[in-house]
Amino acid sequence: MHAVDPGDPFLFMGRFVRDNEREESRKIMKTIAMITVLLTITALTAVAQESPGEQIKQGAKEVGEAVKDAAKTVGKKTKEAAKTVGQKTKELWRDTKAYASTDRKTYRKGARQKLNDLGEEIAELKNRKSEAADPQAFESQLDTLSQQHATAKEEFAKLKKTTAGTKDYTDARKEFDKTIGELEDGLAQARKQLHG
């Protein structure tokens, strides 16, 4: 394992996206907690005017509905966050300094980060298989994406072995860039198959 450069813009972007996800999750959870508390207070106040049996029945019904609504909200916000992360992941590679860089070290750092981000996105999509319009076709597509990801890792390893500035290095880099582009396109297609 090698030391992480604290000034590395790609690691910062990855942390930035993850920090935004965490912050969004915290906001969602606070909202859910607040809604649950307010609904519980409302239910208890309304129930205080009825018989004990009716109070318990009505309170349980209202709390159950509040929990269902909160779960729907969390699901919706999670999907929105995942969609945003997916879009950011795709934008990052083509818009980064690494993608256009002629400096081997800069390119490799950005490419390594991109491979990690794409791997995480594939894993996240695998967890959402049940949301796909056709789960079997979706799973097959994700298997293909996993194979492409493995191919990209192999191509990245070739970059390590070639000398910068040579035709072999240029060819290996073009092949890697092409594979990453195809992988990004495949992930975009997979995201479109999800409900919501």
N, C-alpha and C. Protein backbone atom coordinates (compact mmCIF):
# COMPACT_ATOMS: atom_id res chain seq x y z
N MET A 1 0.85 -1.18 0.00
CA MET A 1 0.00 0.00 0.00
C MET A 1 0.89 1.24 0.00
N HIS A 2 0.55 2.24 -0.75
CA HIS A 2 1.38 3.42 -0.86
C HIS A 2 0.68 4.61 -0.22
N ALA A 3 1.46 5.62 0.10
CA ALA A 3 0.94 6.79 0.79
C ALA A 3 -0.01 7.56 -0.12
N VAL A 4 -1.02 8.15 0.47
CA VAL A 4 -1.99 8.95 -0.27
C VAL A 4 -1.54 10.39 -0.27
N ASP A 5 -1.52 10.98 -1.43
CA ASP A 5 -1.14 12.37 -1.59
C ASP A 5 -2.34 13.23 -1.18
N PRO A 6 -2.26 14.00 -0.06
CA PRO A 6 -3.41 14.78 0.39
C PRO A 6 -3.83 15.85 -0.60
N GLY A 7 -2.97 16.18 -1.54
CA GLY A 7 -3.31 17.20 -2.52
C GLY A 7 -3.89 16.61 -3.79
N ASP A 8 -4.09 15.31 -3.82
CA ASP A 8 -4.59 14.64 -5.02
C ASP A 8 -6.04 15.05 -5.29
N PRO A 9 -6.32 15.75 -6.39
CA PRO A 9 -7.68 16.25 -6.65
C PRO A 9 -8.67 15.13 -6.88
N PHE A 10 -8.22 13.97 -7.32
CA PHE A 10 -9.16 12.89 -7.60
C PHE A 10 -9.63 12.24 -6.32
N LEU A 11 -8.73 12.09 -5.37
CA LEU A 11 -9.14 11.56 -4.09
C LEU A 11 -10.06 12.56 -3.39
N PHE A 12 -9.76 13.85 -3.54
CA PHE A 12 -10.62 14.86 -2.96
C PHE A 12 -12.03 14.77 -3.54
N MET A 13 -12.14 14.64 -4.86
CA MET A 13 -13.45 14.55 -5.50
C MET A 13 -14.20 13.32 -5.00
N GLY A 14 -13.51 12.20 -4.87
CA GLY A 14 -14.14 10.99 -4.36
C GLY A 14 -14.64 11.21 -2.95
N ARG A 15 -13.78 11.84 -2.11
CA ARG A 15 -14.20 12.14 -0.74
C ARG A 15 -15.35 13.13 -0.74
N PHE A 16 -15.28 14.12 -1.63
CA PHE A 16 -16.32 15.13 -1.71
C PHE A 16 -17.66 14.49 -2.04
N VAL A 17 -17.68 13.60 -3.01
CA VAL A 17 -18.93 12.93 -3.39
C VAL A 17 -19.43 12.09 -2.23
N ARG A 18 -18.50 11.31 -1.58
CA ARG A 18 -18.91 10.48 -0.45
C ARG A 18 -19.37 11.35 0.72
N ASP A 19 -18.69 12.48 0.98
CA ASP A 19 -19.11 13.36 2.06
C ASP A 19 -20.50 13.92 1.78
N ASN A 20 -20.76 14.27 0.52
CA ASN A 20 -22.08 14.77 0.16
C ASN A 20 -23.13 13.69 0.37
N GLU A 21 -22.80 12.46 0.04
CA GLU A 21 -23.74 11.35 0.25
C GLU A 21 -24.02 11.20 1.74
N ARG A 22 -22.98 11.24 2.56
CA ARG A 22 -23.17 11.11 4.01
C ARG A 22 -24.03 12.25 4.54
N GLU A 23 -23.74 13.46 4.10
CA GLU A 23 -24.51 14.61 4.56
C GLU A 23 -25.96 14.48 4.14
N GLU A 24 -26.20 14.05 2.91
CA GLU A 24 -27.56 13.85 2.43
C GLU A 24 -28.26 12.78 3.25
N SER A 25 -27.58 11.70 3.56
CA SER A 25 -28.15 10.63 4.38
C SER A 25 -28.51 11.15 5.76
N ARG A 26 -27.62 11.97 6.34
CA ARG A 26 -27.91 12.54 7.66
C ARG A 26 -29.16 13.42 7.61
N LYS A 27 -29.28 14.23 6.58
CA LYS A 27 -30.44 15.10 6.44
C LYS A 27 -31.71 14.27 6.30
N ILE A 28 -31.64 13.21 5.53
CA ILE A 28 -32.81 12.34 5.34
C ILE A 28 -33.22 11.72 6.67
N MET A 29 -32.25 11.21 7.40
CA MET A 29 -32.55 10.57 8.67
C MET A 29 -33.12 11.56 9.68
N LYS A 30 -32.59 12.79 9.72
CA LYS A 30 -33.12 13.81 10.62
C LYS A 30 -34.56 14.15 10.24
N THR A 31 -34.83 14.25 8.93
CA THR A 31 -36.17 14.54 8.46
C THR A 31 -37.14 13.44 8.87
N ILE A 32 -36.72 12.20 8.69
CA ILE A 32 -37.57 11.06 9.05
C ILE A 32 -37.86 11.07 10.55
N ALA A 33 -36.83 11.31 11.34
CA ALA A 33 -37.01 11.34 12.79
C ALA A 33 -37.98 12.44 13.19
N MET A 34 -37.83 13.61 12.58
CA MET A 34 -38.71 14.73 12.90
C MET A 34 -40.15 14.42 12.51
N ILE A 35 -40.36 13.84 11.34
CA ILE A 35 -41.70 13.48 10.88
C ILE A 35 -42.32 12.46 11.83
N THR A 36 -41.53 11.46 12.21
CA THR A 36 -42.03 10.42 13.11
C THR A 36 -42.44 11.01 14.45
N VAL A 37 -41.62 11.89 15.01
CA VAL A 37 -41.94 12.51 16.29
C VAL A 37 -43.21 13.35 16.18
N LEU A 38 -43.30 14.16 15.15
CA LEU A 38 -44.49 15.01 14.98
C LEU A 38 -45.76 14.18 14.80
N LEU A 39 -45.68 13.14 14.01
CA LEU A 39 -46.85 12.30 13.81
C LEU A 39 -47.23 11.56 15.08
N THR A 40 -46.25 11.13 15.84
CA THR A 40 -46.53 10.44 17.09
C THR A 40 -47.20 11.39 18.08
N ILE A 41 -46.70 12.61 18.18
CA ILE A 41 -47.32 13.60 19.07
C ILE A 41 -48.74 13.90 18.63
N THR A 42 -48.94 14.09 17.34
CA THR A 42 -50.27 14.36 16.81
C THR A 42 -51.21 13.19 17.11
N ALA A 43 -50.72 11.99 16.88
CA ALA A 43 -51.54 10.80 17.12
C ALA A 43 -51.90 10.69 18.59
N LEU A 44 -50.96 10.92 19.47
CA LEU A 44 -51.23 10.81 20.90
C LEU A 44 -52.21 11.88 21.38
N THR A 45 -52.11 13.08 20.84
CA THR A 45 -53.03 14.15 21.21
C THR A 45 -54.44 13.81 20.76
N ALA A 46 -54.58 13.34 19.55
CA ALA A 46 -55.91 12.99 19.03
C ALA A 46 -56.48 11.79 19.77
N VAL A 47 -55.64 10.88 20.13
CA VAL A 47 -56.06 9.65 20.78
C VAL A 47 -56.51 9.91 22.20
N ALA A 48 -56.01 10.95 22.83
CA ALA A 48 -56.35 11.25 24.22
C ALA A 48 -57.84 11.52 24.39
N GLN A 49 -58.54 11.82 23.32
CA GLN A 49 -59.96 12.14 23.39
C GLN A 49 -60.85 10.92 23.17
N GLU A 50 -60.25 9.76 22.85
CA GLU A 50 -61.03 8.57 22.56
C GLU A 50 -60.86 7.54 23.68
N SER A 51 -61.58 6.43 23.56
CA SER A 51 -61.45 5.35 24.54
C SER A 51 -60.07 4.71 24.42
N PRO A 52 -59.58 4.08 25.49
CA PRO A 52 -58.23 3.50 25.45
C PRO A 52 -58.03 2.49 24.31
N GLY A 53 -58.97 1.64 24.05
CA GLY A 53 -58.84 0.65 22.97
C GLY A 53 -58.76 1.33 21.61
N GLU A 54 -59.64 2.30 21.39
CA GLU A 54 -59.64 3.05 20.14
C GLU A 54 -58.38 3.90 20.00
N GLN A 55 -57.93 4.44 21.12
CA GLN A 55 -56.71 5.24 21.10
C GLN A 55 -55.52 4.43 20.62
N ILE A 56 -55.37 3.25 21.18
CA ILE A 56 -54.24 2.40 20.82
C ILE A 56 -54.33 2.00 19.35
N LYS A 57 -55.53 1.62 18.93
CA LYS A 57 -55.74 1.19 17.55
C LYS A 57 -55.41 2.33 16.58
N GLN A 58 -55.96 3.51 16.84
CA GLN A 58 -55.74 4.67 15.95
C GLN A 58 -54.28 5.10 15.96
N GLY A 59 -53.67 5.13 17.15
CA GLY A 59 -52.27 5.52 17.25
C GLY A 59 -51.36 4.58 16.48
N ALA A 60 -51.60 3.31 16.60
CA ALA A 60 -50.78 2.33 15.88
C ALA A 60 -50.95 2.49 14.37
N LYS A 61 -52.18 2.75 13.96
CA LYS A 61 -52.44 2.93 12.53
C LYS A 61 -51.69 4.16 11.99
N GLU A 62 -51.76 5.25 12.71
CA GLU A 62 -51.10 6.48 12.27
C GLU A 62 -49.58 6.35 12.28
N VAL A 63 -49.04 5.71 13.29
CA VAL A 63 -47.59 5.51 13.34
C VAL A 63 -47.15 4.60 12.20
N GLY A 64 -47.94 3.56 11.93
CA GLY A 64 -47.63 2.66 10.81
C GLY A 64 -47.61 3.40 9.48
N GLU A 65 -48.59 4.27 9.28
CA GLU A 65 -48.63 5.06 8.05
C GLU A 65 -47.43 6.01 7.97
N ALA A 66 -47.07 6.60 9.10
CA ALA A 66 -45.93 7.51 9.13
C ALA A 66 -44.64 6.77 8.79
N VAL A 67 -44.51 5.57 9.31
CA VAL A 67 -43.31 4.78 9.02
C VAL A 67 -43.26 4.43 7.53
N LYS A 68 -44.41 4.06 6.96
CA LYS A 68 -44.46 3.75 5.52
C LYS A 68 -44.06 4.97 4.70
N ASP A 69 -44.62 6.13 5.04
CA ASP A 69 -44.28 7.36 4.32
C ASP A 69 -42.80 7.69 4.45
N ALA A 70 -42.26 7.52 5.65
CA ALA A 70 -40.85 7.80 5.87
C ALA A 70 -39.98 6.85 5.05
N ALA A 71 -40.36 5.59 4.99
CA ALA A 71 -39.60 4.61 4.20
C ALA A 71 -39.63 4.97 2.72
N LYS A 72 -40.78 5.41 2.23
CA LYS A 72 -40.88 5.83 0.83
C LYS A 72 -39.97 7.02 0.57
N THR A 73 -39.96 7.97 1.49
CA THR A 73 -39.11 9.15 1.34
C THR A 73 -37.64 8.76 1.31
N VAL A 74 -37.24 7.87 2.22
CA VAL A 74 -35.85 7.42 2.26
C VAL A 74 -35.49 6.73 0.95
N GLY A 75 -36.37 5.86 0.47
CA GLY A 75 -36.11 5.16 -0.80
C GLY A 75 -35.94 6.14 -1.94
N LYS A 76 -36.81 7.13 -2.01
CA LYS A 76 -36.74 8.12 -3.08
C LYS A 76 -35.43 8.93 -3.00
N LYS A 77 -35.08 9.36 -1.79
CA LYS A 77 -33.86 10.16 -1.61
C LYS A 77 -32.62 9.32 -1.92
N THR A 78 -32.66 8.04 -1.54
CA THR A 78 -31.52 7.16 -1.82
C THR A 78 -31.34 6.99 -3.32
N LYS A 79 -32.45 6.81 -4.04
CA LYS A 79 -32.36 6.68 -5.50
C LYS A 79 -31.81 7.95 -6.12
N GLU A 80 -32.27 9.10 -5.64
CA GLU A 80 -31.79 10.37 -6.17
C GLU A 80 -30.29 10.53 -5.91
N ALA A 81 -29.85 10.18 -4.71
CA ALA A 81 -28.42 10.28 -4.38
C ALA A 81 -27.60 9.33 -5.25
N ALA A 82 -28.09 8.11 -5.45
CA ALA A 82 -27.37 7.15 -6.29
C ALA A 82 -27.29 7.65 -7.73
N LYS A 83 -28.36 8.25 -8.20
CA LYS A 83 -28.37 8.78 -9.57
C LYS A 83 -27.35 9.91 -9.70
N THR A 84 -27.32 10.78 -8.70
CA THR A 84 -26.36 11.89 -8.71
C THR A 84 -24.93 11.37 -8.68
N VAL A 85 -24.67 10.38 -7.83
CA VAL A 85 -23.32 9.80 -7.75
C VAL A 85 -22.95 9.19 -9.09
N GLY A 86 -23.89 8.47 -9.71
CA GLY A 86 -23.62 7.87 -11.01
C GLY A 86 -23.28 8.91 -12.05
N GLN A 87 -24.00 10.01 -12.05
CA GLN A 87 -23.72 11.07 -13.01
C GLN A 87 -22.35 11.70 -12.73
N LYS A 88 -22.03 11.92 -11.48
CA LYS A 88 -20.74 12.50 -11.12
C LYS A 88 -19.61 11.56 -11.52
N THR A 89 -19.81 10.25 -11.30
CA THR A 89 -18.79 9.28 -11.67
C THR A 89 -18.50 9.36 -13.16
N LYS A 90 -19.54 9.44 -13.97
CA LYS A 90 -19.35 9.50 -15.42
C LYS A 90 -18.68 10.82 -15.83
N GLU A 91 -19.09 11.90 -15.22
CA GLU A 91 -18.52 13.19 -15.58
C GLU A 91 -17.05 13.30 -15.19
N LEU A 92 -16.70 12.73 -14.08
CA LEU A 92 -15.34 12.91 -13.56
C LEU A 92 -14.25 12.49 -14.53
N TRP A 93 -14.35 11.32 -15.14
CA TRP A 93 -13.25 10.84 -15.97
C TRP A 93 -13.01 11.73 -17.17
N ARG A 94 -14.04 12.06 -17.89
CA ARG A 94 -13.85 12.85 -19.12
C ARG A 94 -13.51 14.30 -18.84
N ASP A 95 -13.80 14.76 -17.64
CA ASP A 95 -13.54 16.15 -17.30
C ASP A 95 -12.32 16.35 -16.42
N THR A 96 -11.60 15.28 -16.14
CA THR A 96 -10.48 15.42 -15.22
C THR A 96 -9.20 15.83 -15.91
N LYS A 97 -8.33 16.34 -15.08
CA LYS A 97 -6.99 16.69 -15.53
C LYS A 97 -6.25 15.43 -15.96
N ALA A 98 -6.51 14.33 -15.28
CA ALA A 98 -5.82 13.06 -15.57
C ALA A 98 -6.14 12.56 -16.98
N TYR A 99 -7.39 12.66 -17.37
CA TYR A 99 -7.81 12.15 -18.68
C TYR A 99 -7.02 12.83 -19.81
N ALA A 100 -6.80 14.11 -19.66
CA ALA A 100 -6.11 14.87 -20.70
C ALA A 100 -4.60 15.00 -20.45
N SER A 101 -4.16 14.55 -19.30
CA SER A 101 -2.76 14.76 -18.92
C SER A 101 -1.79 13.92 -19.74
N THR A 102 -0.64 14.51 -20.01
CA THR A 102 0.45 13.77 -20.65
C THR A 102 1.41 13.25 -19.60
N ASP A 103 1.22 13.68 -18.36
CA ASP A 103 2.06 13.22 -17.26
C ASP A 103 1.58 11.84 -16.82
N ARG A 104 2.46 10.87 -16.89
CA ARG A 104 2.12 9.47 -16.60
C ARG A 104 1.58 9.31 -15.18
N LYS A 105 2.22 9.94 -14.21
CA LYS A 105 1.82 9.80 -12.81
C LYS A 105 0.41 10.36 -12.58
N THR A 106 0.14 11.53 -13.11
CA THR A 106 -1.17 12.15 -12.98
C THR A 106 -2.25 11.29 -13.63
N TYR A 107 -1.95 10.81 -14.82
CA TYR A 107 -2.91 9.96 -15.54
C TYR A 107 -3.21 8.69 -14.74
N ARG A 108 -2.16 8.04 -14.24
CA ARG A 108 -2.34 6.79 -13.52
C ARG A 108 -3.15 6.97 -12.23
N LYS A 109 -2.89 8.05 -11.50
CA LYS A 109 -3.65 8.32 -10.27
C LYS A 109 -5.14 8.50 -10.60
N GLY A 110 -5.41 9.28 -11.61
CA GLY A 110 -6.81 9.50 -12.00
C GLY A 110 -7.46 8.23 -12.52
N ALA A 111 -6.73 7.45 -13.29
CA ALA A 111 -7.26 6.20 -13.84
C ALA A 111 -7.54 5.21 -12.72
N ARG A 112 -6.65 5.12 -11.75
CA ARG A 112 -6.85 4.21 -10.61
C ARG A 112 -8.11 4.61 -9.84
N GLN A 113 -8.28 5.91 -9.59
CA GLN A 113 -9.46 6.38 -8.88
C GLN A 113 -10.73 6.09 -9.67
N LYS A 114 -10.65 6.28 -10.98
CA LYS A 114 -11.81 6.01 -11.84
C LYS A 114 -12.19 4.54 -11.78
N LEU A 115 -11.20 3.66 -11.83
CA LEU A 115 -11.47 2.22 -11.72
C LEU A 115 -12.16 1.89 -10.40
N ASN A 116 -11.69 2.49 -9.32
CA ASN A 116 -12.32 2.26 -8.00
C ASN A 116 -13.76 2.76 -7.98
N ASP A 117 -13.99 3.96 -8.53
CA ASP A 117 -15.34 4.53 -8.56
C ASP A 117 -16.29 3.65 -9.37
N LEU A 118 -15.83 3.18 -10.52
CA LEU A 118 -16.68 2.34 -11.37
C LEU A 118 -16.97 1.01 -10.68
N GLY A 119 -16.00 0.46 -10.00
CA GLY A 119 -16.22 -0.79 -9.26
C GLY A 119 -17.27 -0.61 -8.18
N GLU A 120 -17.20 0.52 -7.46
CA GLU A 120 -18.19 0.82 -6.43
C GLU A 120 -19.58 0.99 -7.04
N GLU A 121 -19.65 1.62 -8.18
CA GLU A 121 -20.95 1.84 -8.81
C GLU A 121 -21.56 0.52 -9.28
N ILE A 122 -20.74 -0.37 -9.81
CA ILE A 122 -21.23 -1.69 -10.22
C ILE A 122 -21.77 -2.43 -9.00
N ALA A 123 -21.05 -2.39 -7.89
CA ALA A 123 -21.49 -3.05 -6.66
C ALA A 123 -22.80 -2.45 -6.17
N GLU A 124 -22.93 -1.14 -6.24
CA GLU A 124 -24.17 -0.47 -5.80
C GLU A 124 -25.34 -0.89 -6.68
N LEU A 125 -25.13 -0.99 -7.99
CA LEU A 125 -26.19 -1.41 -8.89
C LEU A 125 -26.59 -2.87 -8.64
N LYS A 126 -25.63 -3.71 -8.30
CA LYS A 126 -25.95 -5.11 -7.99
C LYS A 126 -26.89 -5.20 -6.79
N ASN A 127 -26.73 -4.29 -5.84
CA ASN A 127 -27.60 -4.27 -4.66
C ASN A 127 -29.01 -3.78 -4.99
N ARG A 128 -29.18 -3.19 -6.16
CA ARG A 128 -30.49 -2.64 -6.54
C ARG A 128 -31.16 -3.47 -7.63
N LYS A 129 -30.72 -4.72 -7.81
CA LYS A 129 -31.24 -5.59 -8.87
C LYS A 129 -32.76 -5.69 -8.83
N SER A 130 -33.34 -5.74 -7.63
CA SER A 130 -34.79 -5.92 -7.50
C SER A 130 -35.57 -4.72 -8.05
N GLU A 131 -34.92 -3.59 -8.24
CA GLU A 131 -35.59 -2.40 -8.76
C GLU A 131 -35.63 -2.37 -10.29
N ALA A 132 -34.97 -3.32 -10.92
CA ALA A 132 -34.89 -3.32 -12.39
C ALA A 132 -36.20 -3.81 -13.00
N ALA A 133 -36.51 -3.30 -14.18
CA ALA A 133 -37.71 -3.72 -14.91
C ALA A 133 -37.62 -5.22 -15.23
N ASP A 134 -36.45 -5.69 -15.61
CA ASP A 134 -36.22 -7.10 -15.91
C ASP A 134 -34.97 -7.53 -15.13
N PRO A 135 -35.15 -8.05 -13.90
CA PRO A 135 -34.01 -8.38 -13.05
C PRO A 135 -32.99 -9.34 -13.67
N GLN A 136 -33.46 -10.33 -14.45
CA GLN A 136 -32.53 -11.28 -15.06
C GLN A 136 -31.64 -10.59 -16.11
N ALA A 137 -32.26 -9.80 -16.97
CA ALA A 137 -31.49 -9.08 -17.98
C ALA A 137 -30.54 -8.09 -17.31
N PHE A 138 -31.01 -7.46 -16.25
CA PHE A 138 -30.20 -6.49 -15.51
C PHE A 138 -28.98 -7.19 -14.91
N GLU A 139 -29.19 -8.36 -14.31
CA GLU A 139 -28.08 -9.11 -13.73
C GLU A 139 -27.07 -9.52 -14.80
N SER A 140 -27.58 -9.93 -15.95
CA SER A 140 -26.69 -10.29 -17.06
C SER A 140 -25.86 -9.09 -17.50
N GLN A 141 -26.49 -7.93 -17.58
CA GLN A 141 -25.79 -6.72 -17.97
C GLN A 141 -24.72 -6.36 -16.93
N LEU A 142 -25.05 -6.54 -15.66
CA LEU A 142 -24.07 -6.24 -14.61
C LEU A 142 -22.89 -7.22 -14.65
N ASP A 143 -23.16 -8.48 -15.01
CA ASP A 143 -22.06 -9.45 -15.18
C ASP A 143 -21.12 -8.99 -16.29
N THR A 144 -21.71 -8.50 -17.39
CA THR A 144 -20.91 -7.99 -18.49
C THR A 144 -20.08 -6.78 -18.05
N LEU A 145 -20.71 -5.90 -17.27
CA LEU A 145 -19.99 -4.72 -16.77
C LEU A 145 -18.85 -5.13 -15.84
N SER A 146 -19.08 -6.15 -15.03
CA SER A 146 -18.01 -6.64 -14.15
C SER A 146 -16.85 -7.19 -14.96
N GLN A 147 -17.15 -7.88 -16.06
CA GLN A 147 -16.09 -8.40 -16.93
C GLN A 147 -15.34 -7.25 -17.59
N GLN A 148 -16.08 -6.22 -18.03
CA GLN A 148 -15.42 -5.05 -18.62
C GLN A 148 -14.52 -4.36 -17.59
N HIS A 149 -14.99 -4.32 -16.36
CA HIS A 149 -14.21 -3.70 -15.29
C HIS A 149 -12.91 -4.49 -15.08
N ALA A 150 -13.01 -5.81 -15.11
CA ALA A 150 -11.81 -6.65 -14.98
C ALA A 150 -10.85 -6.41 -16.15
N THR A 151 -11.41 -6.27 -17.35
CA THR A 151 -10.59 -5.97 -18.52
C THR A 151 -9.88 -4.63 -18.36
N ALA A 152 -10.61 -3.63 -17.85
CA ALA A 152 -10.01 -2.31 -17.63
C ALA A 152 -8.86 -2.40 -16.62
N LYS A 153 -9.03 -3.22 -15.60
CA LYS A 153 -7.96 -3.40 -14.61
C LYS A 153 -6.72 -4.01 -15.28
N GLU A 154 -6.94 -4.99 -16.15
CA GLU A 154 -5.82 -5.61 -16.87
C GLU A 154 -5.12 -4.59 -17.76
N GLU A 155 -5.91 -3.77 -18.45
CA GLU A 155 -5.33 -2.75 -19.32
C GLU A 155 -4.57 -1.71 -18.51
N PHE A 156 -5.08 -1.41 -17.33
CA PHE A 156 -4.39 -0.48 -16.44
C PHE A 156 -3.04 -1.07 -16.01
N ALA A 157 -3.02 -2.36 -15.75
CA ALA A 157 -1.77 -3.04 -15.38
C ALA A 157 -0.76 -2.97 -16.54
N LYS A 158 -1.24 -3.05 -17.79
CA LYS A 158 -0.34 -2.94 -18.95
C LYS A 158 0.32 -1.56 -18.99
N LEU A 159 -0.45 -0.54 -18.59
CA LEU A 159 0.10 0.81 -18.58
C LEU A 159 1.31 0.89 -17.65
N LYS A 160 1.25 0.16 -16.54
CA LYS A 160 2.36 0.15 -15.59
C LYS A 160 3.63 -0.39 -16.23
N LYS A 161 3.46 -1.39 -17.08
CA LYS A 161 4.60 -2.11 -17.65
C LYS A 161 5.20 -1.42 -18.87
N THR A 162 4.51 -0.49 -19.46
CA THR A 162 5.02 0.16 -20.67
C THR A 162 5.70 1.48 -20.33
N THR A 163 6.59 1.88 -21.17
CA THR A 163 7.35 3.11 -20.97
C THR A 163 6.58 4.28 -21.58
N ALA A 164 6.44 5.34 -20.79
CA ALA A 164 5.74 6.54 -21.25
C ALA A 164 6.44 7.09 -22.48
N GLY A 165 5.63 7.60 -23.40
CA GLY A 165 6.17 8.21 -24.61
C GLY A 165 6.39 7.22 -25.74
N THR A 166 6.20 5.94 -25.49
CA THR A 166 6.37 4.95 -26.55
C THR A 166 5.04 4.67 -27.22
N LYS A 167 5.11 4.05 -28.37
CA LYS A 167 3.89 3.67 -29.09
C LYS A 167 3.08 2.66 -28.27
N ASP A 168 3.77 1.74 -27.60
CA ASP A 168 3.07 0.76 -26.76
C ASP A 168 2.26 1.45 -25.66
N TYR A 169 2.86 2.46 -25.04
CA TYR A 169 2.17 3.20 -23.98
C TYR A 169 0.96 3.94 -24.56
N THR A 170 1.14 4.60 -25.68
CA THR A 170 0.05 5.33 -26.31
C THR A 170 -1.10 4.39 -26.68
N ASP A 171 -0.75 3.24 -27.25
CA ASP A 171 -1.78 2.26 -27.62
C ASP A 171 -2.50 1.71 -26.39
N ALA A 172 -1.73 1.41 -25.34
CA ALA A 172 -2.33 0.88 -24.11
C ALA A 172 -3.25 1.91 -23.48
N ARG A 173 -2.85 3.16 -23.51
CA ARG A 173 -3.68 4.23 -22.94
C ARG A 173 -4.96 4.40 -23.74
N LYS A 174 -4.87 4.38 -25.07
CA LYS A 174 -6.07 4.50 -25.92
C LYS A 174 -7.04 3.36 -25.64
N GLU A 175 -6.50 2.16 -25.50
CA GLU A 175 -7.34 0.99 -25.25
C GLU A 175 -8.03 1.11 -23.89
N PHE A 176 -7.28 1.56 -22.89
CA PHE A 176 -7.85 1.76 -21.56
C PHE A 176 -8.96 2.82 -21.61
N ASP A 177 -8.69 3.95 -22.25
CA ASP A 177 -9.69 5.03 -22.36
C ASP A 177 -10.96 4.53 -23.06
N LYS A 178 -10.78 3.74 -24.10
CA LYS A 178 -11.92 3.18 -24.84
C LYS A 178 -12.74 2.25 -23.93
N THR A 179 -12.07 1.40 -23.19
CA THR A 179 -12.77 0.48 -22.29
C THR A 179 -13.52 1.24 -21.21
N ILE A 180 -12.89 2.26 -20.64
CA ILE A 180 -13.56 3.07 -19.62
C ILE A 180 -14.80 3.75 -20.20
N GLY A 181 -14.69 4.28 -21.41
CA GLY A 181 -15.85 4.91 -22.06
C GLY A 181 -16.97 3.93 -22.27
N GLU A 182 -16.66 2.72 -22.72
CA GLU A 182 -17.69 1.69 -22.92
C GLU A 182 -18.30 1.28 -21.58
N LEU A 183 -17.49 1.20 -20.56
CA LEU A 183 -17.98 0.84 -19.22
C LEU A 183 -18.91 1.93 -18.69
N GLU A 184 -18.54 3.18 -18.88
CA GLU A 184 -19.41 4.28 -18.45
C GLU A 184 -20.74 4.24 -19.20
N ASP A 185 -20.70 3.99 -20.51
CA ASP A 185 -21.93 3.90 -21.29
C ASP A 185 -22.80 2.74 -20.81
N GLY A 186 -22.17 1.61 -20.53
CA GLY A 186 -22.91 0.45 -20.02
C GLY A 186 -23.56 0.73 -18.67
N LEU A 187 -22.85 1.44 -17.81
CA LEU A 187 -23.43 1.80 -16.51
C LEU A 187 -24.60 2.76 -16.67
N ALA A 188 -24.49 3.67 -17.62
CA ALA A 188 -25.61 4.60 -17.88
C ALA A 188 -26.84 3.82 -18.34
N GLN A 189 -26.63 2.83 -19.21
CA GLN A 189 -27.75 2.00 -19.67
C GLN A 189 -28.34 1.21 -18.51
N ALA A 190 -27.51 0.67 -17.65
CA ALA A 190 -27.98 -0.10 -16.50
C ALA A 190 -28.82 0.79 -15.56
N ARG A 191 -28.35 2.01 -15.33
CA ARG A 191 -29.12 2.92 -14.45
C ARG A 191 -30.50 3.21 -15.03
N LYS A 192 -30.61 3.27 -16.35
CA LYS A 192 -31.90 3.55 -16.99
C LYS A 192 -32.90 2.42 -16.77
N GLN A 193 -32.41 1.21 -16.52
CA GLN A 193 -33.31 0.07 -16.31
C GLN A 193 -33.94 0.05 -14.93
N LEU A 194 -33.45 0.87 -14.02
CA LEU A 194 -33.99 0.89 -12.67
C LEU A 194 -35.30 1.67 -12.64
N HIS A 195 -36.22 1.20 -11.81
CA HIS A 195 -37.49 1.94 -11.62
C HIS A 195 -37.19 3.23 -10.89
N GLY A 196 -37.92 4.26 -11.25
CA GLY A 196 -37.76 5.52 -10.51
C GLY A 196 -36.84 6.37 -11.18
